[in-house]
Amino acid sequence: MSVDLYPSEFIEALNDVAKAKGMNELAEKTGIRRESLYKTLRSEKPRFDTMLKIIDGMGLQVTLTPKANHEPLAEA
């Protein structure tokens, strides 16, 4: 199942999960200061590497899969 989200909705969802799990614990797991977590999860364009640290700290992972009916890029 695929859900189309805007980046802001994705970040907002991560923010909700982070708050539910506890920002202090997430800060400890990621090595990112709590204040920086709040700032990142309110940002319109957070850094990709920071988002990956947050996602990993939540015990989640990012998985990329090919779209159905999508032609792959030609090889060089």
C-alpha atoms as a PDB file:
ATOM      1  CA  MET A   1       0.000   0.000   0.000  1.00  0.00           C
ATOM      2  CA  SER A   2       1.342   3.413  -0.901  1.00  0.00           C
ATOM      3  CA  VAL A   3       0.353   6.679   0.732  1.00  0.00           C
ATOM      4  CA  ASP A   4       1.216   9.968  -0.930  1.00  0.00           C
ATOM      5  CA  LEU A   5       2.367  12.502   1.649  1.00  0.00           C
ATOM      6  CA  TYR A   6       3.722  15.977   1.350  1.00  0.00           C
ATOM      7  CA  PRO A   7       7.095  16.434   3.058  1.00  0.00           C
ATOM      8  CA  SER A   8       5.507  18.656   5.714  1.00  0.00           C
ATOM      9  CA  GLU A   9       3.000  15.909   6.580  1.00  0.00           C
ATOM     10  CA  PHE A  10       5.800  13.354   6.861  1.00  0.00           C
ATOM     11  CA  ILE A  11       7.797  15.613   9.175  1.00  0.00           C
ATOM     12  CA  GLU A  12       4.681  16.344  11.233  1.00  0.00           C
ATOM     13  CA  ALA A  13       4.010  12.605  11.587  1.00  0.00           C
ATOM     14  CA  LEU A  14       7.605  12.029  12.760  1.00  0.00           C
ATOM     15  CA  ASN A  15       7.189  14.892  15.220  1.00  0.00           C
ATOM     16  CA  ASP A  16       4.045  13.240  16.631  1.00  0.00           C
ATOM     17  CA  VAL A  17       5.869   9.912  17.021  1.00  0.00           C
ATOM     18  CA  ALA A  18       8.883  11.609  18.605  1.00  0.00           C
ATOM     19  CA  LYS A  19       6.713  13.394  21.153  1.00  0.00           C
ATOM     20  CA  ALA A  20       4.802  10.191  21.946  1.00  0.00           C
ATOM     21  CA  LYS A  21       8.036   8.223  22.480  1.00  0.00           C
ATOM     22  CA  GLY A  22       9.715  11.052  24.377  1.00  0.00           C
ATOM     23  CA  MET A  23      12.082  13.701  23.083  1.00  0.00           C
ATOM     24  CA  ASN A  24      14.597  13.137  25.888  1.00  0.00           C
ATOM     25  CA  GLU A  25      15.000   9.464  25.011  1.00  0.00           C
ATOM     26  CA  LEU A  26      15.231  10.269  21.304  1.00  0.00           C
ATOM     27  CA  ALA A  27      17.872  12.910  22.022  1.00  0.00           C
ATOM     28  CA  GLU A  28      19.943  10.333  23.903  1.00  0.00           C
ATOM     29  CA  LYS A  29      19.600   7.715  21.148  1.00  0.00           C
ATOM     30  CA  THR A  30      20.467  10.101  18.315  1.00  0.00           C
ATOM     31  CA  GLY A  31      23.052  12.314  19.974  1.00  0.00           C
ATOM     32  CA  ILE A  32      21.007  15.327  18.882  1.00  0.00           C
ATOM     33  CA  ARG A  33      20.157  17.926  21.525  1.00  0.00           C
ATOM     34  CA  ARG A  34      16.479  18.035  22.460  1.00  0.00           C
ATOM     35  CA  GLU A  35      16.163  21.660  21.335  1.00  0.00           C
ATOM     36  CA  SER A  36      17.621  20.736  17.946  1.00  0.00           C
ATOM     37  CA  LEU A  37      15.140  17.860  17.618  1.00  0.00           C
ATOM     38  CA  TYR A  38      12.244  20.252  18.170  1.00  0.00           C
ATOM     39  CA  LYS A  39      13.707  22.707  15.668  1.00  0.00           C
ATOM     40  CA  THR A  40      14.350  20.009  13.057  1.00  0.00           C
ATOM     41  CA  LEU A  41      10.870  18.535  13.400  1.00  0.00           C
ATOM     42  CA  ARG A  42       9.319  21.979  12.892  1.00  0.00           C
ATOM     43  CA  SER A  43      11.506  22.853   9.917  1.00  0.00           C
ATOM     44  CA  GLU A  44      10.143  23.049   6.384  1.00  0.00           C
ATOM     45  CA  LYS A  45      13.403  21.692   4.967  1.00  0.00           C
ATOM     46  CA  PRO A  46      15.292  19.641   7.542  1.00  0.00           C
ATOM     47  CA  ARG A  47      18.660  18.115   6.677  1.00  0.00           C
ATOM     48  CA  PHE A  48      18.332  14.629   5.218  1.00  0.00           C
ATOM     49  CA  ASP A  49      21.122  13.177   7.377  1.00  0.00           C
ATOM     50  CA  THR A  50      19.473  14.552  10.509  1.00  0.00           C
ATOM     51  CA  MET A  51      16.131  13.064   9.516  1.00  0.00           C
ATOM     52  CA  LEU A  52      17.802   9.679   8.984  1.00  0.00           C
ATOM     53  CA  LYS A  53      19.314   9.864  12.491  1.00  0.00           C
ATOM     54  CA  ILE A  54      15.904  10.664  13.946  1.00  0.00           C
ATOM     55  CA  ILE A  55      14.220   7.865  12.021  1.00  0.00           C
ATOM     56  CA  ASP A  56      16.929   5.423  13.136  1.00  0.00           C
ATOM     57  CA  GLY A  57      16.613   6.618  16.737  1.00  0.00           C
ATOM     58  CA  MET A  58      12.900   5.799  16.587  1.00  0.00           C
ATOM     59  CA  GLY A  59      13.778   2.258  15.600  1.00  0.00           C
ATOM     60  CA  LEU A  60      12.509   2.785  12.067  1.00  0.00           C
ATOM     61  CA  GLN A  61      14.154   2.512   8.672  1.00  0.00           C
ATOM     62  CA  VAL A  62      13.626   4.047   5.263  1.00  0.00           C
ATOM     63  CA  THR A  63      12.989   1.580   2.460  1.00  0.00           C
ATOM     64  CA  LEU A  64      12.878   2.500  -1.221  1.00  0.00           C
ATOM     65  CA  THR A  65      10.913   0.329  -3.616  1.00  0.00           C
ATOM     66  CA  PRO A  66      10.224   0.730  -7.330  1.00  0.00           C
ATOM     67  CA  LYS A  67       6.887   2.223  -8.277  1.00  0.00           C
ATOM     68  CA  ALA A  68       4.460  -0.040 -10.067  1.00  0.00           C
ATOM     69  CA  ASN A  69       4.311   0.592 -13.814  1.00  0.00           C
ATOM     70  CA  HIS A  70       7.361   2.841 -13.739  1.00  0.00           C
ATOM     71  CA  GLU A  71      10.101   2.456 -16.307  1.00  0.00           C
ATOM     72  CA  PRO A  72      13.585   2.338 -14.778  1.00  0.00           C
ATOM     73  CA  LEU A  73      16.200   4.853 -15.845  1.00  0.00           C
ATOM     74  CA  ALA A  74      18.285   3.797 -18.830  1.00  0.00           C
ATOM     75  CA  GLU A  75      21.764   2.548 -18.015  1.00  0.00           C
ATOM     76  CA  ALA A  76      24.630   4.792 -19.076  1.00  0.00           C
END
